[in-house]
PDB file of all heavy atoms in Angstrom:
ATOM      1  N   PRO A   1       6.762  19.622 -14.189  1.00  0.00           N
ATOM      2  CA  PRO A   1       5.389  19.839 -14.663  1.00  0.00           C
ATOM      3  C   PRO A   1       5.078  19.141 -15.985  1.00  0.00           C
ATOM      4  O   PRO A   1       3.977  18.608 -16.178  1.00  0.00           O
ATOM      5  CB  PRO A   1       5.312  21.365 -14.795  1.00  0.00           C
ATOM      6  CG  PRO A   1       6.287  21.876 -13.792  1.00  0.00           C
ATOM      7  CD  PRO A   1       7.423  20.896 -13.840  1.00  0.00           C
ATOM      8  N   ALA A   2       6.042  19.119 -16.914  1.00  0.00           N
ATOM      9  CA  ALA A   2       5.826  18.422 -18.185  1.00  0.00           C
ATOM     10  C   ALA A   2       5.694  16.918 -17.964  1.00  0.00           C
ATOM     11  O   ALA A   2       4.951  16.240 -18.689  1.00  0.00           O
ATOM     12  CB  ALA A   2       6.976  18.727 -19.149  1.00  0.00           C
ATOM     13  N   GLN A   3       6.389  16.389 -16.969  1.00  0.00           N
ATOM     14  CA  GLN A   3       6.262  14.974 -16.635  1.00  0.00           C
ATOM     15  C   GLN A   3       4.841  14.667 -16.183  1.00  0.00           C
ATOM     16  O   GLN A   3       4.268  13.633 -16.552  1.00  0.00           O
ATOM     17  CB  GLN A   3       7.271  14.603 -15.547  1.00  0.00           C
ATOM     18  CG  GLN A   3       7.250  13.122 -15.166  1.00  0.00           C
ATOM     19  CD  GLN A   3       8.238  12.799 -14.059  1.00  0.00           C
ATOM     20  OE1 GLN A   3       9.169  13.574 -13.802  1.00  0.00           O
ATOM     21  NE2 GLN A   3       8.054  11.682 -13.398  1.00  0.00           N
ATOM     22  N   TRP A   4       4.254  15.556 -15.385  1.00  0.00           N
ATOM     23  CA  TRP A   4       2.862  15.366 -14.956  1.00  0.00           C
ATOM     24  C   TRP A   4       1.912  15.379 -16.157  1.00  0.00           C
ATOM     25  O   TRP A   4       0.957  14.598 -16.208  1.00  0.00           O
ATOM     26  CB  TRP A   4       2.467  16.445 -13.951  1.00  0.00           C
ATOM     27  CG  TRP A   4       2.847  16.115 -12.548  1.00  0.00           C
ATOM     28  CD1 TRP A   4       3.846  16.656 -11.805  1.00  0.00           C
ATOM     29  CD2 TRP A   4       2.222  15.145 -11.703  1.00  0.00           C
ATOM     30  NE1 TRP A   4       3.902  16.087 -10.560  1.00  0.00           N
ATOM     31  CE2 TRP A   4       2.911  15.162 -10.460  1.00  0.00           C
ATOM     32  CE3 TRP A   4       1.156  14.258 -11.871  1.00  0.00           C
ATOM     33  CZ2 TRP A   4       2.555  14.325  -9.402  1.00  0.00           C
ATOM     34  CZ3 TRP A   4       0.795  13.430 -10.816  1.00  0.00           C
ATOM     35  CH2 TRP A   4       1.493  13.466  -9.603  1.00  0.00           C
ATOM     36  N   GLN A   5       2.183  16.244 -17.123  1.00  0.00           N
ATOM     37  CA  GLN A   5       1.338  16.264 -18.316  1.00  0.00           C
ATOM     38  C   GLN A   5       1.363  14.911 -19.025  1.00  0.00           C
ATOM     39  O   GLN A   5       0.330  14.434 -19.500  1.00  0.00           O
ATOM     40  CB  GLN A   5       1.809  17.347 -19.291  1.00  0.00           C
ATOM     41  CG  GLN A   5       1.466  18.761 -18.895  1.00  0.00           C
ATOM     42  CD  GLN A   5       1.718  19.721 -20.028  1.00  0.00           C
ATOM     43  OE1 GLN A   5       1.157  19.581 -21.114  1.00  0.00           O
ATOM     44  NE2 GLN A   5       2.573  20.699 -19.784  1.00  0.00           N
ATOM     45  N   ARG A   6       2.533  14.309 -19.092  1.00  0.00           N
ATOM     46  CA  ARG A   6       2.646  13.000 -19.753  1.00  0.00           C
ATOM     47  C   ARG A   6       1.924  11.913 -18.974  1.00  0.00           C
ATOM     48  O   ARG A   6       1.451  10.927 -19.549  1.00  0.00           O
ATOM     49  CB  ARG A   6       4.126  12.620 -19.926  1.00  0.00           C
ATOM     50  CG  ARG A   6       4.890  13.538 -20.854  1.00  0.00           C
ATOM     51  CD  ARG A   6       6.220  12.930 -21.270  1.00  0.00           C
ATOM     52  NE  ARG A   6       7.093  12.654 -20.145  1.00  0.00           N
ATOM     53  CZ  ARG A   6       7.933  13.545 -19.613  1.00  0.00           C
ATOM     54  NH1 ARG A   6       7.986  14.782 -20.100  1.00  0.00           N
ATOM     55  NH2 ARG A   6       8.718  13.215 -18.599  1.00  0.00           N
ATOM     56  N   PHE A   7       1.837  12.097 -17.648  1.00  0.00           N
ATOM     57  CA  PHE A   7       1.247  11.041 -16.826  1.00  0.00           C
ATOM     58  C   PHE A   7      -0.276  11.105 -16.759  1.00  0.00           C
ATOM     59  O   PHE A   7      -0.938  10.071 -16.641  1.00  0.00           O
ATOM     60  CB  PHE A   7       1.824  11.120 -15.406  1.00  0.00           C
ATOM     61  CG  PHE A   7       1.279  10.066 -14.477  1.00  0.00           C
ATOM     62  CD1 PHE A   7       1.474   8.717 -14.728  1.00  0.00           C
ATOM     63  CD2 PHE A   7       0.555  10.415 -13.344  1.00  0.00           C
ATOM     64  CE1 PHE A   7       0.971   7.744 -13.887  1.00  0.00           C
ATOM     65  CE2 PHE A   7       0.047   9.449 -12.493  1.00  0.00           C
ATOM     66  CZ  PHE A   7       0.252   8.115 -12.766  1.00  0.00           C
ATOM     67  N   VAL A   8      -0.850  12.282 -16.822  1.00  0.00           N
ATOM     68  CA  VAL A   8      -2.297  12.440 -16.622  1.00  0.00           C
ATOM     69  C   VAL A   8      -3.142  11.495 -17.480  1.00  0.00           C
ATOM     70  O   VAL A   8      -4.105  10.895 -16.978  1.00  0.00           O
ATOM     71  CB  VAL A   8      -2.709  13.915 -16.851  1.00  0.00           C
ATOM     72  CG1 VAL A   8      -4.230  14.046 -16.972  1.00  0.00           C
ATOM     73  CG2 VAL A   8      -2.210  14.784 -15.701  1.00  0.00           C
ATOM     74  N   PRO A   9      -2.835  11.284 -18.768  1.00  0.00           N
ATOM     75  CA  PRO A   9      -3.671  10.378 -19.562  1.00  0.00           C
ATOM     76  C   PRO A   9      -3.679   8.928 -19.071  1.00  0.00           C
ATOM     77  O   PRO A   9      -4.547   8.150 -19.458  1.00  0.00           O
ATOM     78  CB  PRO A   9      -3.058  10.462 -20.960  1.00  0.00           C
ATOM     79  CG  PRO A   9      -2.345  11.774 -20.991  1.00  0.00           C
ATOM     80  CD  PRO A   9      -1.817  11.956 -19.605  1.00  0.00           C
ATOM     81  N   TYR A  10      -2.709   8.574 -18.199  1.00  0.00           N
ATOM     82  CA  TYR A  10      -2.589   7.187 -17.745  1.00  0.00           C
ATOM     83  C   TYR A  10      -3.084   6.977 -16.319  1.00  0.00           C
ATOM     84  O   TYR A  10      -2.871   5.909 -15.740  1.00  0.00           O
ATOM     85  CB  TYR A  10      -1.121   6.748 -17.836  1.00  0.00           C
ATOM     86  CG  TYR A  10      -0.549   6.837 -19.219  1.00  0.00           C
ATOM     87  CD1 TYR A  10       0.255   7.921 -19.584  1.00  0.00           C
ATOM     88  CD2 TYR A  10      -0.815   5.863 -20.184  1.00  0.00           C
ATOM     89  CE1 TYR A  10       0.778   8.026 -20.861  1.00  0.00           C
ATOM     90  CE2 TYR A  10      -0.295   5.956 -21.456  1.00  0.00           C
ATOM     91  CZ  TYR A  10       0.502   7.038 -21.787  1.00  0.00           C
ATOM     92  OH  TYR A  10       1.015   7.141 -23.064  1.00  0.00           O
ATOM     93  N   LEU A  11      -3.749   7.980 -15.760  1.00  0.00           N
ATOM     94  CA  LEU A  11      -4.142   7.896 -14.357  1.00  0.00           C
ATOM     95  C   LEU A  11      -4.993   6.665 -14.058  1.00  0.00           C
ATOM     96  O   LEU A  11      -4.922   6.098 -12.969  1.00  0.00           O
ATOM     97  CB  LEU A  11      -4.903   9.162 -13.944  1.00  0.00           C
ATOM     98  CG  LEU A  11      -4.037  10.397 -13.671  1.00  0.00           C
ATOM     99  CD1 LEU A  11      -4.914  11.607 -13.408  1.00  0.00           C
ATOM    100  CD2 LEU A  11      -3.118  10.150 -12.478  1.00  0.00           C
ATOM    101  N   ASP A  12      -5.846   6.266 -14.974  1.00  0.00           N
ATOM    102  CA  ASP A  12      -6.747   5.145 -14.722  1.00  0.00           C
ATOM    103  C   ASP A  12      -6.261   3.846 -15.346  1.00  0.00           C
ATOM    104  O   ASP A  12      -7.017   2.884 -15.457  1.00  0.00           O
ATOM    105  CB  ASP A  12      -8.147   5.478 -15.249  1.00  0.00           C
ATOM    106  CG  ASP A  12      -8.768   6.661 -14.525  1.00  0.00           C
ATOM    107  OD1 ASP A  12      -8.570   6.759 -13.301  1.00  0.00           O
ATOM    108  OD2 ASP A  12      -9.410   7.493 -15.193  1.00  0.00           O
ATOM    109  N   THR A  13      -4.989   3.802 -15.732  1.00  0.00           N
ATOM    110  CA  THR A  13      -4.475   2.609 -16.411  1.00  0.00           C
ATOM    111  C   THR A  13      -4.424   1.376 -15.524  1.00  0.00           C
ATOM    112  O   THR A  13      -4.964   0.325 -15.876  1.00  0.00           O
ATOM    113  CB  THR A  13      -3.076   2.888 -16.994  1.00  0.00           C
ATOM    114  OG1 THR A  13      -3.195   3.905 -17.988  1.00  0.00           O
ATOM    115  CG2 THR A  13      -2.496   1.620 -17.628  1.00  0.00           C
ATOM    116  N   PRO A  14      -3.798   1.445 -14.345  1.00  0.00           N
ATOM    117  CA  PRO A  14      -3.641   0.203 -13.573  1.00  0.00           C
ATOM    118  C   PRO A  14      -4.933  -0.211 -12.871  1.00  0.00           C
ATOM    119  O   PRO A  14      -5.539   0.573 -12.149  1.00  0.00           O
ATOM    120  CB  PRO A  14      -2.545   0.549 -12.562  1.00  0.00           C
ATOM    121  CG  PRO A  14      -2.661   2.023 -12.389  1.00  0.00           C
ATOM    122  CD  PRO A  14      -3.113   2.579 -13.697  1.00  0.00           C
ATOM    123  N   SER A  15      -5.342  -1.437 -13.080  1.00  0.00           N
ATOM    124  CA  SER A  15      -6.547  -1.936 -12.413  1.00  0.00           C
ATOM    125  C   SER A  15      -6.315  -2.145 -10.925  1.00  0.00           C
ATOM    126  O   SER A  15      -7.265  -2.324 -10.163  1.00  0.00           O
ATOM    127  CB  SER A  15      -6.977  -3.259 -13.054  1.00  0.00           C
ATOM    128  OG  SER A  15      -5.935  -4.217 -12.958  1.00  0.00           O
ATOM    129  N   VAL A  16      -5.051  -2.111 -10.500  1.00  0.00           N
ATOM    130  CA  VAL A  16      -4.716  -2.340  -9.086  1.00  0.00           C
ATOM    131  C   VAL A  16      -4.649  -1.028  -8.311  1.00  0.00           C
ATOM    132  O   VAL A  16      -4.243  -1.016  -7.150  1.00  0.00           O
ATOM    133  CB  VAL A  16      -3.371  -3.086  -8.960  1.00  0.00           C
ATOM    134  CG1 VAL A  16      -3.503  -4.521  -9.435  1.00  0.00           C
ATOM    135  CG2 VAL A  16      -2.269  -2.360  -9.716  1.00  0.00           C
ATOM    136  N   ARG A  17      -5.074   0.060  -8.905  1.00  0.00           N
ATOM    137  CA  ARG A  17      -5.002   1.354  -8.232  1.00  0.00           C
ATOM    138  C   ARG A  17      -5.896   1.387  -6.999  1.00  0.00           C
ATOM    139  O   ARG A  17      -6.998   0.840  -6.988  1.00  0.00           O
ATOM    140  CB  ARG A  17      -5.418   2.470  -9.188  1.00  0.00           C
ATOM    141  CG  ARG A  17      -5.400   3.851  -8.540  1.00  0.00           C
ATOM    142  CD  ARG A  17      -5.763   4.958  -9.510  1.00  0.00           C
ATOM    143  NE  ARG A  17      -5.718   6.257  -8.848  1.00  0.00           N
ATOM    144  CZ  ARG A  17      -5.948   7.409  -9.465  1.00  0.00           C
ATOM    145  NH1 ARG A  17      -6.252   7.426 -10.746  1.00  0.00           N
ATOM    146  NH2 ARG A  17      -5.881   8.550  -8.785  1.00  0.00           N
ATOM    147  N   ILE A  18      -5.403   2.062  -5.948  1.00  0.00           N
ATOM    148  CA  ILE A  18      -6.177   2.273  -4.727  1.00  0.00           C
ATOM    149  C   ILE A  18      -6.446   3.766  -4.579  1.00  0.00           C
ATOM    150  O   ILE A  18      -5.530   4.583  -4.679  1.00  0.00           O
ATOM    151  CB  ILE A  18      -5.414   1.773  -3.483  1.00  0.00           C
ATOM    152  CG1 ILE A  18      -5.110   0.279  -3.590  1.00  0.00           C
ATOM    153  CG2 ILE A  18      -6.190   2.066  -2.218  1.00  0.00           C
ATOM    154  CD1 ILE A  18      -4.248  -0.237  -2.456  1.00  0.00           C
ATOM    155  N   GLY A  19      -7.689   4.141  -4.317  1.00  0.00           N
ATOM    156  CA  GLY A  19      -8.028   5.523  -4.013  1.00  0.00           C
ATOM    157  C   GLY A  19      -7.971   6.431  -5.220  1.00  0.00           C
ATOM    158  O   GLY A  19      -7.739   6.012  -6.362  1.00  0.00           O
ATOM    159  N   THR A  20      -8.146   7.733  -4.960  1.00  0.00           N
ATOM    160  CA  THR A  20      -8.176   8.733  -6.020  1.00  0.00           C
ATOM    161  C   THR A  20      -7.001   9.700  -5.945  1.00  0.00           C
ATOM    162  O   THR A  20      -6.874  10.583  -6.790  1.00  0.00           O
ATOM    163  CB  THR A  20      -9.483   9.553  -5.927  1.00  0.00           C
ATOM    164  OG1 THR A  20      -9.558  10.180  -4.638  1.00  0.00           O
ATOM    165  CG2 THR A  20     -10.701   8.654  -6.123  1.00  0.00           C
ATOM    166  N   GLU A  21      -6.129   9.553  -4.946  1.00  0.00           N
ATOM    167  CA  GLU A  21      -5.006  10.463  -4.785  1.00  0.00           C
ATOM    168  C   GLU A  21      -3.919  10.169  -5.818  1.00  0.00           C
ATOM    169  O   GLU A  21      -3.799   9.055  -6.327  1.00  0.00           O
ATOM    170  CB  GLU A  21      -4.395  10.342  -3.384  1.00  0.00           C
ATOM    171  CG  GLU A  21      -5.335  10.696  -2.246  1.00  0.00           C
ATOM    172  CD  GLU A  21      -6.207   9.528  -1.812  1.00  0.00           C
ATOM    173  OE1 GLU A  21      -6.058   8.430  -2.389  1.00  0.00           O
ATOM    174  OE2 GLU A  21      -7.032   9.728  -0.901  1.00  0.00           O
ATOM    175  N   THR A  22      -3.144  11.192  -6.121  1.00  0.00           N
ATOM    176  CA  THR A  22      -1.934  11.009  -6.911  1.00  0.00           C
ATOM    177  C   THR A  22      -0.743  11.465  -6.078  1.00  0.00           C
ATOM    178  O   THR A  22      -0.881  12.242  -5.123  1.00  0.00           O
ATOM    179  CB  THR A  22      -1.987  11.805  -8.226  1.00  0.00           C
ATOM    180  OG1 THR A  22      -2.283  13.168  -7.946  1.00  0.00           O
ATOM    181  CG2 THR A  22      -3.049  11.230  -9.153  1.00  0.00           C
ATOM    182  N   TYR A  23       0.435  10.972  -6.440  1.00  0.00           N
ATOM    183  CA  TYR A  23       1.627  11.204  -5.632  1.00  0.00           C
ATOM    184  C   TYR A  23       2.785  11.646  -6.523  1.00  0.00           C
ATOM    185  O   TYR A  23       2.961  11.138  -7.639  1.00  0.00           O
ATOM    186  CB  TYR A  23       2.035   9.918  -4.898  1.00  0.00           C
ATOM    187  CG  TYR A  23       1.026   9.459  -3.879  1.00  0.00           C
ATOM    188  CD1 TYR A  23      -0.083   8.695  -4.266  1.00  0.00           C
ATOM    189  CD2 TYR A  23       1.147   9.795  -2.532  1.00  0.00           C
ATOM    190  CE1 TYR A  23      -1.029   8.278  -3.340  1.00  0.00           C
ATOM    191  CE2 TYR A  23       0.208   9.389  -1.604  1.00  0.00           C
ATOM    192  CZ  TYR A  23      -0.880   8.627  -2.008  1.00  0.00           C
ATOM    193  OH  TYR A  23      -1.819   8.222  -1.088  1.00  0.00           O
ATOM    194  N   GLY A  24       3.560  12.593  -6.007  1.00  0.00           N
ATOM    195  CA  GLY A  24       4.827  12.970  -6.616  1.00  0.00           C
ATOM    196  C   GLY A  24       5.933  12.599  -5.651  1.00  0.00           C
ATOM    197  O   GLY A  24       6.121  13.272  -4.632  1.00  0.00           O
ATOM    198  N   VAL A  25       6.645  11.505  -5.935  1.00  0.00           N
ATOM    199  CA  VAL A  25       7.593  10.924  -4.983  1.00  0.00           C
ATOM    200  C   VAL A  25       9.026  11.246  -5.389  1.00  0.00           C
ATOM    201  O   VAL A  25       9.431  11.009  -6.536  1.00  0.00           O
ATOM    202  CB  VAL A  25       7.410   9.399  -4.903  1.00  0.00           C
ATOM    203  CG1 VAL A  25       8.360   8.799  -3.856  1.00  0.00           C
ATOM    204  CG2 VAL A  25       5.968   9.046  -4.568  1.00  0.00           C
ATOM    205  N   CYS A  26       9.809  11.782  -4.448  1.00  0.00           N
ATOM    206  CA  CYS A  26      11.240  12.020  -4.635  1.00  0.00           C
ATOM    207  C   CYS A  26      12.002  10.905  -3.926  1.00  0.00           C
ATOM    208  O   CYS A  26      11.838  10.715  -2.712  1.00  0.00           O
ATOM    209  CB  CYS A  26      11.648  13.367  -4.052  1.00  0.00           C
ATOM    210  SG  CYS A  26      10.855  14.785  -4.824  1.00  0.00           S
ATOM    211  N   THR A  27      12.829  10.193  -4.659  1.00  0.00           N
ATOM    212  CA  THR A  27      13.518   9.046  -4.073  1.00  0.00           C
ATOM    213  C   THR A  27      14.881   8.866  -4.745  1.00  0.00           C
ATOM    214  O   THR A  27      15.176   9.493  -5.758  1.00  0.00           O
ATOM    215  CB  THR A  27      12.663   7.768  -4.221  1.00  0.00           C
ATOM    216  OG1 THR A  27      13.269   6.694  -3.510  1.00  0.00           O
ATOM    217  CG2 THR A  27      12.459   7.401  -5.683  1.00  0.00           C
TER     218      THR A  27
END
C-alpha cells in the first residue's frame, strides 16, 4: 500500500500511457 502512495503522484507522467486503468503486477 505504501508503494501505491508513492506511485499515485506519477500516474500522468508517461505521455505514452494508454487508458485510465492502473495495474498491480506480480512477476
